[in-house]
Amino acid sequence: MGITHTRPVLELFFSGPAQEGMQRLKAGTELEPLITRVNEALDLIERHPGSAEARRLRFVDPPSWGIPVGYREYSYVVTWMSGEDFVEWADAGDVSALAEEIGDDPSHWAVVLYIGPRPE
C-alpha cells in the first residue's frame, strides 16, 4: 500500500461583500437549494482550487476566478482569488491584516470576494 499525499485544504477568508451576499442568501428560506450549491462551490475552492470546475470563469480586475451556481431562476456566482494573487493585488495593510487573521503563507488561503447574483 502506497502513501497518499493530499494537498491541505485552503482556509477561506470572506470579504465584506461576500459575507453580505451569504447573509442575504440565507435570509431567503426558500433558497435552501441555492445555499447548498454555494456551499458546494466553497468546498470546491477549499479542496480543489486548481481544478477547472473551481476556475470556470476568469476575471481580470481584480485577478480572480468564478464559479457559477444556480437554482431555478436564480443565477449566482462565487468569485474568489488565491492568496498569492491577493498578496500581489491588495494594499499592504489589507495583506498584513489578513495574514494576522489566517496566517502568513498565502498558498494556504483564498479570498472569497463576492457571493451574489451573476452580473449580466
PDB file of N, CA and C in Angstrom:
ATOM      1  N   MET A   1       0.853  -1.168   0.000  1.00  0.00           N
ATOM      2  CA  MET A   1       0.000   0.000   0.000  1.00  0.00           C
ATOM      3  C   MET A   1       0.899   1.232   0.000  1.00  0.00           C
ATOM      4  N   GLY A   2       0.658   2.157  -0.931  1.00  0.00           N
ATOM      5  CA  GLY A   2       1.451   3.373  -1.037  1.00  0.00           C
ATOM      6  C   GLY A   2       0.937   4.464  -0.118  1.00  0.00           C
ATOM      7  N   ILE A   3       1.752   5.449   0.053  1.00  0.00           N
ATOM      8  CA  ILE A   3       1.371   6.607   0.853  1.00  0.00           C
ATOM      9  C   ILE A   3       0.665   7.605  -0.058  1.00  0.00           C
ATOM     10  N   THR A   4      -0.458   8.097   0.394  1.00  0.00           N
ATOM     11  CA  THR A   4      -1.211   9.089  -0.369  1.00  0.00           C
ATOM     12  C   THR A   4      -0.890  10.470   0.175  1.00  0.00           C
ATOM     13  N   HIS A   5      -0.465  11.344  -0.714  1.00  0.00           N
ATOM     14  CA  HIS A   5      -0.191  12.728  -0.325  1.00  0.00           C
ATOM     15  C   HIS A   5      -1.376  13.584  -0.755  1.00  0.00           C
ATOM     16  N   THR A   6      -1.923  14.301   0.181  1.00  0.00           N
ATOM     17  CA  THR A   6      -3.045  15.167  -0.146  1.00  0.00           C
ATOM     18  C   THR A   6      -2.651  16.609   0.120  1.00  0.00           C
ATOM     19  N   ARG A   7      -3.170  17.471  -0.702  1.00  0.00           N
ATOM     20  CA  ARG A   7      -2.931  18.898  -0.535  1.00  0.00           C
ATOM     21  C   ARG A   7      -3.765  19.376   0.644  1.00  0.00           C
ATOM     22  N   PRO A   8      -3.210  20.231   1.499  1.00  0.00           N
ATOM     23  CA  PRO A   8      -4.005  20.736   2.616  1.00  0.00           C
ATOM     24  C   PRO A   8      -5.202  21.536   2.094  1.00  0.00           C
ATOM     25  N   VAL A   9      -6.268  21.506   2.837  1.00  0.00           N
ATOM     26  CA  VAL A   9      -7.454  22.274   2.494  1.00  0.00           C
ATOM     27  C   VAL A   9      -7.144  23.751   2.710  1.00  0.00           C
ATOM     28  N   LEU A  10      -7.537  24.582   1.733  1.00  0.00           N
ATOM     29  CA  LEU A  10      -7.329  26.024   1.886  1.00  0.00           C
ATOM     30  C   LEU A  10      -8.256  26.585   2.955  1.00  0.00           C
ATOM     31  N   GLU A  11      -7.784  27.602   3.625  1.00  0.00           N
ATOM     32  CA  GLU A  11      -8.646  28.339   4.535  1.00  0.00           C
ATOM     33  C   GLU A  11      -9.218  29.511   3.764  1.00  0.00           C
ATOM     34  N   LEU A  12     -10.524  29.710   3.863  1.00  0.00           N
ATOM     35  CA  LEU A  12     -11.170  30.781   3.127  1.00  0.00           C
ATOM     36  C   LEU A  12     -11.378  31.998   4.009  1.00  0.00           C
ATOM     37  N   PHE A  13     -11.097  33.154   3.456  1.00  0.00           N
ATOM     38  CA  PHE A  13     -11.391  34.435   4.078  1.00  0.00           C
ATOM     39  C   PHE A  13     -12.485  35.086   3.238  1.00  0.00           C
ATOM     40  N   PHE A  14     -13.530  35.594   3.876  1.00  0.00           N
ATOM     41  CA  PHE A  14     -14.654  36.198   3.170  1.00  0.00           C
ATOM     42  C   PHE A  14     -14.574  37.717   3.260  1.00  0.00           C
ATOM     43  N   SER A  15     -14.544  38.375   2.109  1.00  0.00           N
ATOM     44  CA  SER A  15     -14.581  39.834   2.076  1.00  0.00           C
ATOM     45  C   SER A  15     -15.943  40.305   2.591  1.00  0.00           C
ATOM     46  N   GLY A  16     -16.052  41.600   2.871  1.00  0.00           N
ATOM     47  CA  GLY A  16     -17.330  42.163   3.310  1.00  0.00           C
ATOM     48  C   GLY A  16     -18.458  41.873   2.333  1.00  0.00           C
ATOM     49  N   PRO A  17     -18.272  42.132   1.014  1.00  0.00           N
ATOM     50  CA  PRO A  17     -19.343  41.830   0.063  1.00  0.00           C
ATOM     51  C   PRO A  17     -19.713  40.342   0.013  1.00  0.00           C
ATOM     52  N   ALA A  18     -18.752  39.455   0.181  1.00  0.00           N
ATOM     53  CA  ALA A  18     -19.056  38.018   0.186  1.00  0.00           C
ATOM     54  C   ALA A  18     -19.868  37.654   1.432  1.00  0.00           C
ATOM     55  N   GLN A  19     -19.498  38.205   2.580  1.00  0.00           N
ATOM     56  CA  GLN A  19     -20.255  37.946   3.809  1.00  0.00           C
ATOM     57  C   GLN A  19     -21.682  38.464   3.679  1.00  0.00           C
ATOM     58  N   GLU A  20     -21.829  39.678   3.148  1.00  0.00           N
ATOM     59  CA  GLU A  20     -23.157  40.267   2.983  1.00  0.00           C
ATOM     60  C   GLU A  20     -24.005  39.440   2.011  1.00  0.00           C
ATOM     61  N   GLY A  21     -23.393  38.984   0.929  1.00  0.00           N
ATOM     62  CA  GLY A  21     -24.119  38.179  -0.043  1.00  0.00           C
ATOM     63  C   GLY A  21     -24.616  36.882   0.560  1.00  0.00           C
ATOM     64  N   MET A  22     -23.799  36.247   1.364  1.00  0.00           N
ATOM     65  CA  MET A  22     -24.199  34.989   2.002  1.00  0.00           C
ATOM     66  C   MET A  22     -25.313  35.238   3.016  1.00  0.00           C
ATOM     67  N   GLN A  23     -25.224  36.341   3.760  1.00  0.00           N
ATOM     68  CA  GLN A  23     -26.279  36.662   4.725  1.00  0.00           C
ATOM     69  C   GLN A  23     -27.608  36.929   4.024  1.00  0.00           C
ATOM     70  N   ARG A  24     -27.578  37.665   2.903  1.00  0.00           N
ATOM     71  CA  ARG A  24     -28.806  37.918   2.152  1.00  0.00           C
ATOM     72  C   ARG A  24     -29.394  36.613   1.616  1.00  0.00           C
ATOM     73  N   LEU A  25     -28.521  35.747   1.142  1.00  0.00           N
ATOM     74  CA  LEU A  25     -28.969  34.466   0.613  1.00  0.00           C
ATOM     75  C   LEU A  25     -29.618  33.627   1.706  1.00  0.00           C
ATOM     76  N   LYS A  26     -29.015  33.592   2.877  1.00  0.00           N
ATOM     77  CA  LYS A  26     -29.557  32.788   3.979  1.00  0.00           C
ATOM     78  C   LYS A  26     -30.857  33.361   4.522  1.00  0.00           C
ATOM     79  N   ALA A  27     -31.115  34.641   4.277  1.00  0.00           N
ATOM     80  CA  ALA A  27     -32.362  35.254   4.738  1.00  0.00           C
ATOM     81  C   ALA A  27     -33.563  34.744   3.947  1.00  0.00           C
ATOM     82  N   GLY A  28     -33.326  34.228   2.742  1.00  0.00           N
ATOM     83  CA  GLY A  28     -34.414  33.696   1.921  1.00  0.00           C
ATOM     84  C   GLY A  28     -34.577  32.207   2.148  1.00  0.00           C
ATOM     85  N   THR A  29     -35.486  31.824   3.015  1.00  0.00           N
ATOM     86  CA  THR A  29     -35.632  30.417   3.394  1.00  0.00           C
ATOM     87  C   THR A  29     -35.989  29.512   2.223  1.00  0.00           C
ATOM     88  N   GLU A  30     -36.628  30.056   1.188  1.00  0.00           N
ATOM     89  CA  GLU A  30     -36.990  29.236   0.030  1.00  0.00           C
ATOM     90  C   GLU A  30     -35.787  28.942  -0.860  1.00  0.00           C
ATOM     91  N   LEU A  31     -34.639  29.502  -0.526  1.00  0.00           N
ATOM     92  CA  LEU A  31     -33.448  29.351  -1.358  1.00  0.00           C
ATOM     93  C   LEU A  31     -32.458  28.318  -0.817  1.00  0.00           C
ATOM     94  N   GLU A  32     -32.915  27.419   0.019  1.00  0.00           N
ATOM     95  CA  GLU A  32     -32.033  26.405   0.605  1.00  0.00           C
ATOM     96  C   GLU A  32     -31.235  25.625  -0.450  1.00  0.00           C
ATOM     97  N   PRO A  33     -31.845  25.222  -1.572  1.00  0.00           N
ATOM     98  CA  PRO A  33     -31.049  24.525  -2.593  1.00  0.00           C
ATOM     99  C   PRO A  33     -29.932  25.395  -3.189  1.00  0.00           C
ATOM    100  N   LEU A  34     -30.173  26.696  -3.314  1.00  0.00           N
ATOM    101  CA  LEU A  34     -29.133  27.593  -3.814  1.00  0.00           C
ATOM    102  C   LEU A  34     -28.014  27.739  -2.786  1.00  0.00           C
ATOM    103  N   ILE A  35     -28.383  27.824  -1.515  1.00  0.00           N
ATOM    104  CA  ILE A  35     -27.379  27.887  -0.444  1.00  0.00           C
ATOM    105  C   ILE A  35     -26.508  26.636  -0.478  1.00  0.00           C
ATOM    106  N   THR A  36     -27.131  25.478  -0.677  1.00  0.00           N
ATOM    107  CA  THR A  36     -26.381  24.226  -0.768  1.00  0.00           C
ATOM    108  C   THR A  36     -25.383  24.284  -1.916  1.00  0.00           C
ATOM    109  N   ARG A  37     -25.805  24.801  -3.057  1.00  0.00           N
ATOM    110  CA  ARG A  37     -24.907  24.882  -4.215  1.00  0.00           C
ATOM    111  C   ARG A  37     -23.773  25.871  -3.982  1.00  0.00           C
ATOM    112  N   VAL A  38     -24.054  26.973  -3.301  1.00  0.00           N
ATOM    113  CA  VAL A  38     -22.991  27.923  -2.960  1.00  0.00           C
ATOM    114  C   VAL A  38     -21.996  27.250  -2.025  1.00  0.00           C
ATOM    115  N   ASN A  39     -22.483  26.519  -1.028  1.00  0.00           N
ATOM    116  CA  ASN A  39     -21.587  25.809  -0.106  1.00  0.00           C
ATOM    117  C   ASN A  39     -20.750  24.757  -0.835  1.00  0.00           C
ATOM    118  N   GLU A  40     -21.332  24.098  -1.819  1.00  0.00           N
ATOM    119  CA  GLU A  40     -20.567  23.139  -2.620  1.00  0.00           C
ATOM    120  C   GLU A  40     -19.462  23.853  -3.403  1.00  0.00           C
ATOM    121  N   ALA A  41     -19.756  25.042  -3.913  1.00  0.00           N
ATOM    122  CA  ALA A  41     -18.733  25.828  -4.619  1.00  0.00           C
ATOM    123  C   ALA A  41     -17.613  26.227  -3.662  1.00  0.00           C
ATOM    124  N   LEU A  42     -17.955  26.611  -2.441  1.00  0.00           N
ATOM    125  CA  LEU A  42     -16.941  26.976  -1.448  1.00  0.00           C
ATOM    126  C   LEU A  42     -16.078  25.763  -1.091  1.00  0.00           C
ATOM    127  N   ASP A  43     -16.707  24.607  -0.948  1.00  0.00           N
ATOM    128  CA  ASP A  43     -15.947  23.376  -0.687  1.00  0.00           C
ATOM    129  C   ASP A  43     -14.980  23.084  -1.825  1.00  0.00           C
ATOM    130  N   LEU A  44     -15.418  23.319  -3.044  1.00  0.00           N
ATOM    131  CA  LEU A  44     -14.570  23.099  -4.218  1.00  0.00           C
ATOM    132  C   LEU A  44     -13.338  24.006  -4.175  1.00  0.00           C
ATOM    133  N   ILE A  45     -13.541  25.262  -3.798  1.00  0.00           N
ATOM    134  CA  ILE A  45     -12.404  26.187  -3.675  1.00  0.00           C
ATOM    135  C   ILE A  45     -11.437  25.693  -2.608  1.00  0.00           C
ATOM    136  N   GLU A  46     -11.970  25.274  -1.476  1.00  0.00           N
ATOM    137  CA  GLU A  46     -11.125  24.798  -0.377  1.00  0.00           C
ATOM    138  C   GLU A  46     -10.309  23.566  -0.757  1.00  0.00           C
ATOM    139  N   ARG A  47     -10.936  22.623  -1.427  1.00  0.00           N
ATOM    140  CA  ARG A  47     -10.322  21.319  -1.659  1.00  0.00           C
ATOM    141  C   ARG A  47      -9.632  21.172  -3.015  1.00  0.00           C
ATOM    142  N   HIS A  48     -10.129  21.878  -4.029  1.00  0.00           N
ATOM    143  CA  HIS A  48      -9.587  21.711  -5.385  1.00  0.00           C
ATOM    144  C   HIS A  48      -9.480  23.057  -6.104  1.00  0.00           C
ATOM    145  N   PRO A  49      -8.734  24.003  -5.541  1.00  0.00           N
ATOM    146  CA  PRO A  49      -8.699  25.348  -6.123  1.00  0.00           C
ATOM    147  C   PRO A  49      -8.109  25.399  -7.536  1.00  0.00           C
ATOM    148  N   GLY A  50      -7.304  24.445  -7.905  1.00  0.00           N
ATOM    149  CA  GLY A  50      -6.702  24.442  -9.228  1.00  0.00           C
ATOM    150  C   GLY A  50      -7.537  23.748 -10.288  1.00  0.00           C
ATOM    151  N   SER A  51      -8.677  23.202  -9.898  1.00  0.00           N
ATOM    152  CA  SER A  51      -9.495  22.440 -10.842  1.00  0.00           C
ATOM    153  C   SER A  51     -10.216  23.363 -11.826  1.00  0.00           C
ATOM    154  N   ALA A  52     -10.540  22.797 -12.968  1.00  0.00           N
ATOM    155  CA  ALA A  52     -11.290  23.552 -13.982  1.00  0.00           C
ATOM    156  C   ALA A  52     -12.652  23.975 -13.434  1.00  0.00           C
ATOM    157  N   GLU A  53     -13.266  23.148 -12.590  1.00  0.00           N
ATOM    158  CA  GLU A  53     -14.568  23.486 -12.021  1.00  0.00           C
ATOM    159  C   GLU A  53     -14.499  24.707 -11.116  1.00  0.00           C
ATOM    160  N   ALA A  54     -13.402  24.846 -10.376  1.00  0.00           N
ATOM    161  CA  ALA A  54     -13.233  25.991  -9.481  1.00  0.00           C
ATOM    162  C   ALA A  54     -12.834  27.252 -10.232  1.00  0.00           C
ATOM    163  N   ARG A  55     -12.458  27.092 -11.498  1.00  0.00           N
ATOM    164  CA  ARG A  55     -11.969  28.219 -12.296  1.00  0.00           C
ATOM    165  C   ARG A  55     -12.764  28.355 -13.603  1.00  0.00           C
ATOM    166  N   ARG A  56     -14.064  28.159 -13.515  1.00  0.00           N
ATOM    167  CA  ARG A  56     -14.895  28.193 -14.729  1.00  0.00           C
ATOM    168  C   ARG A  56     -14.961  29.573 -15.352  1.00  0.00           C
ATOM    169  N   LEU A  57     -14.932  30.607 -14.524  1.00  0.00           N
ATOM    170  CA  LEU A  57     -14.953  31.979 -15.018  1.00  0.00           C
ATOM    171  C   LEU A  57     -13.654  32.661 -14.629  1.00  0.00           C
ATOM    172  N   ARG A  58     -13.153  33.534 -15.499  1.00  0.00           N
ATOM    173  CA  ARG A  58     -11.911  34.267 -15.215  1.00  0.00           C
ATOM    174  C   ARG A  58     -12.193  35.754 -15.326  1.00  0.00           C
ATOM    175  N   PHE A  59     -11.766  36.488 -14.310  1.00  0.00           N
ATOM    176  CA  PHE A  59     -11.905  37.940 -14.287  1.00  0.00           C
ATOM    177  C   PHE A  59     -10.518  38.569 -14.232  1.00  0.00           C
ATOM    178  N   VAL A  60     -10.406  39.748 -14.805  1.00  0.00           N
ATOM    179  CA  VAL A  60      -9.099  40.396 -14.908  1.00  0.00           C
ATOM    180  C   VAL A  60      -8.878  41.421 -13.799  1.00  0.00           C
ATOM    181  N   ASP A  61      -9.894  42.196 -13.446  1.00  0.00           N
ATOM    182  CA  ASP A  61      -9.708  43.265 -12.461  1.00  0.00           C
ATOM    183  C   ASP A  61     -10.812  43.208 -11.417  1.00  0.00           C
ATOM    184  N   PRO A  62     -10.520  42.639 -10.256  1.00  0.00           N
ATOM    185  CA  PRO A  62      -9.251  42.061  -9.828  1.00  0.00           C
ATOM    186  C   PRO A  62      -9.037  40.680 -10.441  1.00  0.00           C
ATOM    187  N   PRO A  63      -7.786  40.230 -10.439  1.00  0.00           N
ATOM    188  CA  PRO A  63      -7.490  38.897 -10.994  1.00  0.00           C
ATOM    189  C   PRO A  63      -8.133  37.822 -10.120  1.00  0.00           C
ATOM    190  N   SER A  64      -9.193  37.222 -10.633  1.00  0.00           N
ATOM    191  CA  SER A  64      -9.961  36.299  -9.797  1.00  0.00           C
ATOM    192  C   SER A  64     -10.664  35.269 -10.666  1.00  0.00           C
ATOM    193  N   TRP A  65     -11.255  34.306  -9.985  1.00  0.00           N
ATOM    194  CA  TRP A  65     -11.964  33.199 -10.618  1.00  0.00           C
ATOM    195  C   TRP A  65     -13.410  33.223 -10.164  1.00  0.00           C
ATOM    196  N   GLY A  66     -14.278  32.560 -10.915  1.00  0.00           N
ATOM    197  CA  GLY A  66     -15.678  32.496 -10.532  1.00  0.00           C
ATOM    198  C   GLY A  66     -16.267  31.125 -10.787  1.00  0.00           C
ATOM    199  N   ILE A  67     -17.198  30.762  -9.922  1.00  0.00           N
ATOM    200  CA  ILE A  67     -17.940  29.514 -10.071  1.00  0.00           C
ATOM    201  C   ILE A  67     -19.414  29.887 -10.185  1.00  0.00           C
ATOM    202  N   PRO A  68     -20.022  29.652 -11.349  1.00  0.00           N
ATOM    203  CA  PRO A  68     -21.458  29.941 -11.464  1.00  0.00           C
ATOM    204  C   PRO A  68     -22.270  28.884 -10.723  1.00  0.00           C
ATOM    205  N   VAL A  69     -23.287  29.332 -10.016  1.00  0.00           N
ATOM    206  CA  VAL A  69     -24.206  28.432  -9.322  1.00  0.00           C
ATOM    207  C   VAL A  69     -25.626  28.916  -9.606  1.00  0.00           C
ATOM    208  N   GLY A  70     -26.537  27.991  -9.674  1.00  0.00           N
ATOM    209  CA  GLY A  70     -27.900  28.396  -9.958  1.00  0.00           C
ATOM    210  C   GLY A  70     -28.925  27.469  -9.366  1.00  0.00           C
ATOM    211  N   TYR A  71     -30.122  27.989  -9.270  1.00  0.00           N
ATOM    212  CA  TYR A  71     -31.281  27.220  -8.815  1.00  0.00           C
ATOM    213  C   TYR A  71     -32.518  27.932  -9.355  1.00  0.00           C
ATOM    214  N   ARG A  72     -33.296  27.194 -10.102  1.00  0.00           N
ATOM    215  CA  ARG A  72     -34.486  27.748 -10.754  1.00  0.00           C
ATOM    216  C   ARG A  72     -34.098  29.006 -11.527  1.00  0.00           C
ATOM    217  N   GLU A  73     -34.761  30.128 -11.234  1.00  0.00           N
ATOM    218  CA  GLU A  73     -34.454  31.353 -11.982  1.00  0.00           C
ATOM    219  C   GLU A  73     -33.284  32.148 -11.406  1.00  0.00           C
ATOM    220  N   TYR A  74     -32.675  31.649 -10.345  1.00  0.00           N
ATOM    221  CA  TYR A  74     -31.576  32.363  -9.692  1.00  0.00           C
ATOM    222  C   TYR A  74     -30.240  31.961 -10.313  1.00  0.00           C
ATOM    223  N   SER A  75     -29.485  32.950 -10.752  1.00  0.00           N
ATOM    224  CA  SER A  75     -28.161  32.721 -11.319  1.00  0.00           C
ATOM    225  C   SER A  75     -27.155  33.500 -10.478  1.00  0.00           C
ATOM    226  N   TYR A  76     -26.365  32.773  -9.697  1.00  0.00           N
ATOM    227  CA  TYR A  76     -25.398  33.369  -8.786  1.00  0.00           C
ATOM    228  C   TYR A  76     -23.982  33.042  -9.239  1.00  0.00           C
ATOM    229  N   VAL A  77     -23.034  33.729  -8.626  1.00  0.00           N
ATOM    230  CA  VAL A  77     -21.627  33.440  -8.858  1.00  0.00           C
ATOM    231  C   VAL A  77     -20.875  33.604  -7.532  1.00  0.00           C
ATOM    232  N   VAL A  78     -19.904  32.725  -7.336  1.00  0.00           N
ATOM    233  CA  VAL A  78     -18.964  32.837  -6.214  1.00  0.00           C
ATOM    234  C   VAL A  78     -17.635  33.251  -6.845  1.00  0.00           C
ATOM    235  N   THR A  79     -17.164  34.436  -6.495  1.00  0.00           N
ATOM    236  CA  THR A  79     -15.926  34.957  -7.059  1.00  0.00           C
ATOM    237  C   THR A  79     -14.838  34.893  -5.995  1.00  0.00           C
ATOM    238  N   TRP A  80     -13.652  34.427  -6.393  1.00  0.00           N
ATOM    239  CA  TRP A  80     -12.577  34.229  -5.417  1.00  0.00           C
ATOM    240  C   TRP A  80     -11.212  34.462  -6.069  1.00  0.00           C
ATOM    241  N   MET A  81     -10.215  34.653  -5.228  1.00  0.00           N
ATOM    242  CA  MET A  81      -8.837  34.744  -5.705  1.00  0.00           C
ATOM    243  C   MET A  81      -7.923  33.999  -4.751  1.00  0.00           C
ATOM    244  N   SER A  82      -6.853  33.503  -5.310  1.00  0.00           N
ATOM    245  CA  SER A  82      -5.882  32.779  -4.488  1.00  0.00           C
ATOM    246  C   SER A  82      -5.208  33.748  -3.526  1.00  0.00           C
ATOM    247  N   GLY A  83      -4.656  33.206  -2.470  1.00  0.00           N
ATOM    248  CA  GLY A  83      -3.907  34.040  -1.531  1.00  0.00           C
ATOM    249  C   GLY A  83      -2.744  34.741  -2.200  1.00  0.00           C
ATOM    250  N   GLU A  84      -2.059  34.032  -3.106  1.00  0.00           N
ATOM    251  CA  GLU A  84      -0.916  34.625  -3.805  1.00  0.00           C
ATOM    252  C   GLU A  84      -1.350  35.812  -4.655  1.00  0.00           C
ATOM    253  N   ASP A  85      -2.469  35.662  -5.382  1.00  0.00           N
ATOM    254  CA  ASP A  85      -2.971  36.773  -6.191  1.00  0.00           C
ATOM    255  C   ASP A  85      -3.408  37.943  -5.311  1.00  0.00           C
ATOM    256  N   PHE A  86      -4.012  37.625  -4.159  1.00  0.00           N
ATOM    257  CA  PHE A  86      -4.440  38.680  -3.250  1.00  0.00           C
ATOM    258  C   PHE A  86      -3.243  39.486  -2.762  1.00  0.00           C
ATOM    259  N   VAL A  87      -2.156  38.807  -2.431  1.00  0.00           N
ATOM    260  CA  VAL A  87      -0.957  39.493  -1.945  1.00  0.00           C
ATOM    261  C   VAL A  87      -0.422  40.452  -3.009  1.00  0.00           C
ATOM    262  N   GLU A  88      -0.443  40.034  -4.268  1.00  0.00           N
ATOM    263  CA  GLU A  88       0.047  40.888  -5.351  1.00  0.00           C
ATOM    264  C   GLU A  88      -0.895  42.046  -5.643  1.00  0.00           C
ATOM    265  N   TRP A  89      -2.196  41.853  -5.477  1.00  0.00           N
ATOM    266  CA  TRP A  89      -3.191  42.828  -5.888  1.00  0.00           C
ATOM    267  C   TRP A  89      -3.558  43.822  -4.796  1.00  0.00           C
ATOM    268  N   ALA A  90      -3.655  43.390  -3.563  1.00  0.00           N
ATOM    269  CA  ALA A  90      -4.215  44.201  -2.477  1.00  0.00           C
ATOM    270  C   ALA A  90      -3.201  45.184  -1.898  1.00  0.00           C
ATOM    271  N   ASP A  91      -3.728  46.123  -1.129  1.00  0.00           N
ATOM    272  CA  ASP A  91      -2.888  47.058  -0.383  1.00  0.00           C
ATOM    273  C   ASP A  91      -2.119  46.301   0.696  1.00  0.00           C
ATOM    274  N   ALA A  92      -0.958  46.787   1.028  1.00  0.00           N
ATOM    275  CA  ALA A  92      -0.124  46.131   2.039  1.00  0.00           C
ATOM    276  C   ALA A  92      -0.859  45.999   3.373  1.00  0.00           C
ATOM    277  N   GLY A  93      -1.646  46.993   3.743  1.00  0.00           N
ATOM    278  CA  GLY A  93      -2.390  46.942   5.003  1.00  0.00           C
ATOM    279  C   GLY A  93      -3.412  45.824   5.013  1.00  0.00           C
ATOM    280  N   ASP A  94      -4.089  45.621   3.875  1.00  0.00           N
ATOM    281  CA  ASP A  94      -5.057  44.526   3.778  1.00  0.00           C
ATOM    282  C   ASP A  94      -4.368  43.179   3.899  1.00  0.00           C
ATOM    283  N   VAL A  95      -3.205  43.059   3.272  1.00  0.00           N
ATOM    284  CA  VAL A  95      -2.462  41.798   3.309  1.00  0.00           C
ATOM    285  C   VAL A  95      -2.007  41.491   4.723  1.00  0.00           C
ATOM    286  N   SER A  96      -1.456  42.484   5.419  1.00  0.00           N
ATOM    287  CA  SER A  96      -0.962  42.218   6.771  1.00  0.00           C
ATOM    288  C   SER A  96      -2.112  41.918   7.726  1.00  0.00           C
ATOM    289  N   ALA A  97      -3.254  42.576   7.553  1.00  0.00           N
ATOM    290  CA  ALA A  97      -4.410  42.284   8.399  1.00  0.00           C
ATOM    291  C   ALA A  97      -4.895  40.863   8.159  1.00  0.00           C
ATOM    292  N   LEU A  98      -4.933  40.455   6.918  1.00  0.00           N
ATOM    293  CA  LEU A  98      -5.366  39.097   6.597  1.00  0.00           C
ATOM    294  C   LEU A  98      -4.367  38.066   7.109  1.00  0.00           C
ATOM    295  N   ALA A  99      -3.080  38.352   6.966  1.00  0.00           N
ATOM    296  CA  ALA A  99      -2.051  37.436   7.444  1.00  0.00           C
ATOM    297  C   ALA A  99      -2.156  37.248   8.956  1.00  0.00           C
ATOM    298  N   GLU A 100      -2.472  38.321   9.682  1.00  0.00           N
ATOM    299  CA  GLU A 100      -2.655  38.208  11.131  1.00  0.00           C
ATOM    300  C   GLU A 100      -3.828  37.294  11.458  1.00  0.00           C
ATOM    301  N   GLU A 101      -4.865  37.371  10.638  1.00  0.00           N
ATOM    302  CA  GLU A 101      -6.077  36.603  10.916  1.00  0.00           C
ATOM    303  C   GLU A 101      -5.944  35.132  10.550  1.00  0.00           C
ATOM    304  N   ILE A 102      -5.358  34.830   9.376  1.00  0.00           N
ATOM    305  CA  ILE A 102      -5.361  33.429   8.947  1.00  0.00           C
ATOM    306  C   ILE A 102      -4.005  32.855   8.578  1.00  0.00           C
ATOM    307  N   GLY A 103      -2.944  33.606   8.778  1.00  0.00           N
ATOM    308  CA  GLY A 103      -1.628  33.023   8.566  1.00  0.00           C
ATOM    309  C   GLY A 103      -0.807  33.718   7.493  1.00  0.00           C
ATOM    310  N   ASP A 104       0.499  33.584   7.627  1.00  0.00           N
ATOM    311  CA  ASP A 104       1.438  34.281   6.757  1.00  0.00           C
ATOM    312  C   ASP A 104       1.592  33.664   5.369  1.00  0.00           C
ATOM    313  N   ASP A 105       1.295  32.398   5.210  1.00  0.00           N
ATOM    314  CA  ASP A 105       1.563  31.722   3.950  1.00  0.00           C
ATOM    315  C   ASP A 105       0.341  31.793   3.037  1.00  0.00           C
ATOM    316  N   PRO A 106       0.379  32.667   2.015  1.00  0.00           N
ATOM    317  CA  PRO A 106      -0.792  32.833   1.160  1.00  0.00           C
ATOM    318  C   PRO A 106      -1.125  31.605   0.315  1.00  0.00           C
ATOM    319  N   SER A 107      -0.227  30.635   0.242  1.00  0.00           N
ATOM    320  CA  SER A 107      -0.558  29.418  -0.510  1.00  0.00           C
ATOM    321  C   SER A 107      -1.540  28.541   0.261  1.00  0.00           C
ATOM    322  N   HIS A 108      -1.825  28.900   1.520  1.00  0.00           N
ATOM    323  CA  HIS A 108      -2.736  28.119   2.353  1.00  0.00           C
ATOM    324  C   HIS A 108      -4.113  28.744   2.489  1.00  0.00           C
ATOM    325  N   TRP A 109      -4.351  29.876   1.791  1.00  0.00           N
ATOM    326  CA  TRP A 109      -5.657  30.503   1.905  1.00  0.00           C
ATOM    327  C   TRP A 109      -6.109  31.104   0.585  1.00  0.00           C
ATOM    328  N   ALA A 110      -7.400  31.416   0.526  1.00  0.00           N
ATOM    329  CA  ALA A 110      -8.004  32.074  -0.626  1.00  0.00           C
ATOM    330  C   ALA A 110      -8.998  33.105  -0.094  1.00  0.00           C
ATOM    331  N   VAL A 111      -9.280  34.086  -0.919  1.00  0.00           N
ATOM    332  CA  VAL A 111     -10.203  35.154  -0.537  1.00  0.00           C
ATOM    333  C   VAL A 111     -11.458  35.047  -1.402  1.00  0.00           C
ATOM    334  N   VAL A 112     -12.600  34.894  -0.754  1.00  0.00           N
ATOM    335  CA  VAL A 112     -13.881  34.907  -1.456  1.00  0.00           C
ATOM    336  C   VAL A 112     -14.297  36.372  -1.548  1.00  0.00           C
ATOM    337  N   LEU A 113     -14.384  36.875  -2.767  1.00  0.00           N
ATOM    338  CA  LEU A 113     -14.647  38.292  -2.996  1.00  0.00           C
ATOM    339  C   LEU A 113     -16.123  38.634  -3.043  1.00  0.00           C
ATOM    340  N   TYR A 114     -16.925  37.736  -3.605  1.00  0.00           N
ATOM    341  CA  TYR A 114     -18.328  38.060  -3.874  1.00  0.00           C
ATOM    342  C   TYR A 114     -19.153  36.787  -3.938  1.00  0.00           C
ATOM    343  N   ILE A 115     -20.337  36.844  -3.336  1.00  0.00           N
ATOM    344  CA  ILE A 115     -21.351  35.805  -3.477  1.00  0.00           C
ATOM    345  C   ILE A 115     -22.648  36.542  -3.763  1.00  0.00           C
ATOM    346  N   GLY A 116     -23.198  36.330  -4.930  1.00  0.00           N
ATOM    347  CA  GLY A 116     -24.434  37.039  -5.243  1.00  0.00           C
ATOM    348  C   GLY A 116     -24.876  36.816  -6.662  1.00  0.00           C
ATOM    349  N   PRO A 117     -25.902  37.587  -7.053  1.00  0.00           N
ATOM    350  CA  PRO A 117     -26.413  37.446  -8.414  1.00  0.00           C
ATOM    351  C   PRO A 117     -25.301  37.655  -9.441  1.00  0.00           C
ATOM    352  N   ARG A 118     -25.343  36.824 -10.458  1.00  0.00           N
ATOM    353  CA  ARG A 118     -24.339  36.913 -11.519  1.00  0.00           C
ATOM    354  C   ARG A 118     -24.624  38.141 -12.383  1.00  0.00           C
ATOM    355  N   PRO A 119     -23.642  39.018 -12.540  1.00  0.00           N
ATOM    356  CA  PRO A 119     -23.851  40.205 -13.376  1.00  0.00           C
ATOM    357  C   PRO A 119     -24.182  39.794 -14.813  1.00  0.00           C
ATOM    358  N   GLU A 120     -25.004  40.581 -15.451  1.00  0.00           N
ATOM    359  CA  GLU A 120     -25.403  40.306 -16.839  1.00  0.00           C
ATOM    360  C   GLU A 120     -24.248  40.494 -17.787  1.00  0.00           C
TER     361      GLU A 120
END
